[in-house]
Amino acid sequence: MAIDFDFLLGNNSLFEIVLPLLLIFTIIFAVLQATKILGGKKNIDAIIGIIFGLLLVRNIQVVDTINRFLPIISLGIFVILMILL
């Protein structure tokens, strides 16, 4: 029996909320880990990444911009990788 979880997200789908959150979290976490600004502690870097991700996901305009440009950027990266290989 399938369970419908659309009532949890309202009109927004999984791709409009969770994927931009994961993208922002990953970018912020990677930058903090690479620069070791906060001492290189993974738990603090993860908390900061989650906070930045949640703050940016609250702004619908930022989420729409990410969702609009992500396929174009992904295609560009794919083409560059295929040229390099």
C-alpha atoms as a PDB file:
ATOM      1  CA  MET A   1       0.000   0.000   0.000  1.00  0.00           C
ATOM      2  CA  ALA A   2       1.490   3.333  -1.059  1.00  0.00           C
ATOM      3  CA  ILE A   3       1.448   6.313   1.265  1.00  0.00           C
ATOM      4  CA  ASP A   4       1.042   9.784  -0.181  1.00  0.00           C
ATOM      5  CA  PHE A   5       3.305  12.327   1.534  1.00  0.00           C
ATOM      6  CA  ASP A   6       2.307  15.315  -0.602  1.00  0.00           C
ATOM      7  CA  PHE A   7       0.437  16.820   2.335  1.00  0.00           C
ATOM      8  CA  LEU A   8       3.777  17.310   4.133  1.00  0.00           C
ATOM      9  CA  LEU A   9       5.259  19.464   1.396  1.00  0.00           C
ATOM     10  CA  GLY A  10       2.152  21.310   0.258  1.00  0.00           C
ATOM     11  CA  ASN A  11       2.352  22.318  -3.403  1.00  0.00           C
ATOM     12  CA  ASN A  12       6.142  21.937  -3.530  1.00  0.00           C
ATOM     13  CA  SER A  13       7.601  18.680  -4.677  1.00  0.00           C
ATOM     14  CA  LEU A  14      10.668  16.863  -3.418  1.00  0.00           C
ATOM     15  CA  PHE A  15      12.840  18.275  -6.179  1.00  0.00           C
ATOM     16  CA  GLU A  16      11.915  21.875  -5.382  1.00  0.00           C
ATOM     17  CA  ILE A  17      12.828  21.689  -1.688  1.00  0.00           C
ATOM     18  CA  VAL A  18      15.175  18.847  -0.805  1.00  0.00           C
ATOM     19  CA  LEU A  19      17.568  18.921  -3.764  1.00  0.00           C
ATOM     20  CA  PRO A  20      18.433  22.647  -3.488  1.00  0.00           C
ATOM     21  CA  LEU A  21      18.878  22.119   0.258  1.00  0.00           C
ATOM     22  CA  LEU A  22      21.306  19.261  -0.383  1.00  0.00           C
ATOM     23  CA  LEU A  23      23.140  21.269  -3.036  1.00  0.00           C
ATOM     24  CA  ILE A  24      23.643  24.308  -0.796  1.00  0.00           C
ATOM     25  CA  PHE A  25      24.575  22.111   2.183  1.00  0.00           C
ATOM     26  CA  THR A  26      27.149  20.226   0.117  1.00  0.00           C
ATOM     27  CA  ILE A  27      28.739  23.374  -1.296  1.00  0.00           C
ATOM     28  CA  ILE A  28      28.928  25.155   2.081  1.00  0.00           C
ATOM     29  CA  PHE A  29      30.195  22.027   3.859  1.00  0.00           C
ATOM     30  CA  ALA A  30      32.878  21.417   1.205  1.00  0.00           C
ATOM     31  CA  VAL A  31      34.083  25.023   1.325  1.00  0.00           C
ATOM     32  CA  LEU A  32      34.258  24.991   5.114  1.00  0.00           C
ATOM     33  CA  GLN A  33      36.122  21.680   5.120  1.00  0.00           C
ATOM     34  CA  ALA A  34      38.593  22.829   2.463  1.00  0.00           C
ATOM     35  CA  THR A  35      39.362  26.186   4.067  1.00  0.00           C
ATOM     36  CA  LYS A  36      39.230  24.961   7.681  1.00  0.00           C
ATOM     37  CA  ILE A  37      37.823  28.339   8.771  1.00  0.00           C
ATOM     38  CA  LEU A  38      36.123  26.827  11.814  1.00  0.00           C
ATOM     39  CA  GLY A  39      38.991  24.513  12.720  1.00  0.00           C
ATOM     40  CA  GLY A  40      38.075  21.693  10.345  1.00  0.00           C
ATOM     41  CA  LYS A  41      35.572  20.091  12.718  1.00  0.00           C
ATOM     42  CA  LYS A  42      33.040  18.163  10.642  1.00  0.00           C
ATOM     43  CA  ASN A  43      30.131  18.497  13.054  1.00  0.00           C
ATOM     44  CA  ILE A  44      30.360  22.296  13.223  1.00  0.00           C
ATOM     45  CA  ASP A  45      30.795  22.538   9.455  1.00  0.00           C
ATOM     46  CA  ALA A  46      27.761  20.299   8.952  1.00  0.00           C
ATOM     47  CA  ILE A  47      25.604  22.400  11.263  1.00  0.00           C
ATOM     48  CA  ILE A  48      26.621  25.607   9.481  1.00  0.00           C
ATOM     49  CA  GLY A  49      25.902  23.957   6.103  1.00  0.00           C
ATOM     50  CA  ILE A  50      22.447  22.840   7.214  1.00  0.00           C
ATOM     51  CA  ILE A  51      21.633  26.298   8.589  1.00  0.00           C
ATOM     52  CA  PHE A  52      22.684  28.017   5.345  1.00  0.00           C
ATOM     53  CA  GLY A  53      20.727  25.451   3.322  1.00  0.00           C
ATOM     54  CA  LEU A  54      17.561  25.917   5.350  1.00  0.00           C
ATOM     55  CA  LEU A  55      17.827  29.700   5.206  1.00  0.00           C
ATOM     56  CA  LEU A  56      18.217  29.679   1.433  1.00  0.00           C
ATOM     57  CA  VAL A  57      15.422  27.146   0.858  1.00  0.00           C
ATOM     58  CA  ARG A  58      12.999  29.462   2.658  1.00  0.00           C
ATOM     59  CA  ASN A  59      13.459  32.011  -0.133  1.00  0.00           C
ATOM     60  CA  ILE A  60      11.411  30.773  -3.099  1.00  0.00           C
ATOM     61  CA  GLN A  61      13.187  33.078  -5.559  1.00  0.00           C
ATOM     62  CA  VAL A  62      16.551  31.484  -4.759  1.00  0.00           C
ATOM     63  CA  VAL A  63      15.079  27.989  -5.110  1.00  0.00           C
ATOM     64  CA  ASP A  64      13.504  28.905  -8.465  1.00  0.00           C
ATOM     65  CA  THR A  65      16.813  30.310  -9.697  1.00  0.00           C
ATOM     66  CA  ILE A  66      18.669  27.165  -8.639  1.00  0.00           C
ATOM     67  CA  ASN A  67      16.047  24.941 -10.269  1.00  0.00           C
ATOM     68  CA  ARG A  68      16.156  27.008 -13.471  1.00  0.00           C
ATOM     69  CA  PHE A  69      19.948  27.052 -13.925  1.00  0.00           C
ATOM     70  CA  LEU A  70      20.926  23.639 -12.551  1.00  0.00           C
ATOM     71  CA  PRO A  71      20.029  21.642 -15.700  1.00  0.00           C
ATOM     72  CA  ILE A  72      21.981  24.084 -17.873  1.00  0.00           C
ATOM     73  CA  ILE A  73      25.031  23.925 -15.608  1.00  0.00           C
ATOM     74  CA  SER A  74      24.803  20.120 -15.413  1.00  0.00           C
ATOM     75  CA  LEU A  75      24.704  19.849 -19.198  1.00  0.00           C
ATOM     76  CA  GLY A  76      27.712  22.162 -19.490  1.00  0.00           C
ATOM     77  CA  ILE A  77      29.713  20.103 -16.997  1.00  0.00           C
ATOM     78  CA  PHE A  78      28.742  16.914 -18.835  1.00  0.00           C
ATOM     79  CA  VAL A  79      29.870  18.308 -22.190  1.00  0.00           C
ATOM     80  CA  ILE A  80      33.179  19.528 -20.721  1.00  0.00           C
ATOM     81  CA  LEU A  81      33.825  16.104 -19.174  1.00  0.00           C
ATOM     82  CA  MET A  82      33.065  14.347 -22.457  1.00  0.00           C
ATOM     83  CA  ILE A  83      35.471  16.659 -24.298  1.00  0.00           C
ATOM     84  CA  LEU A  84      38.204  15.993 -21.741  1.00  0.00           C
ATOM     85  CA  LEU A  85      37.768  12.235 -21.946  1.00  0.00           C
END
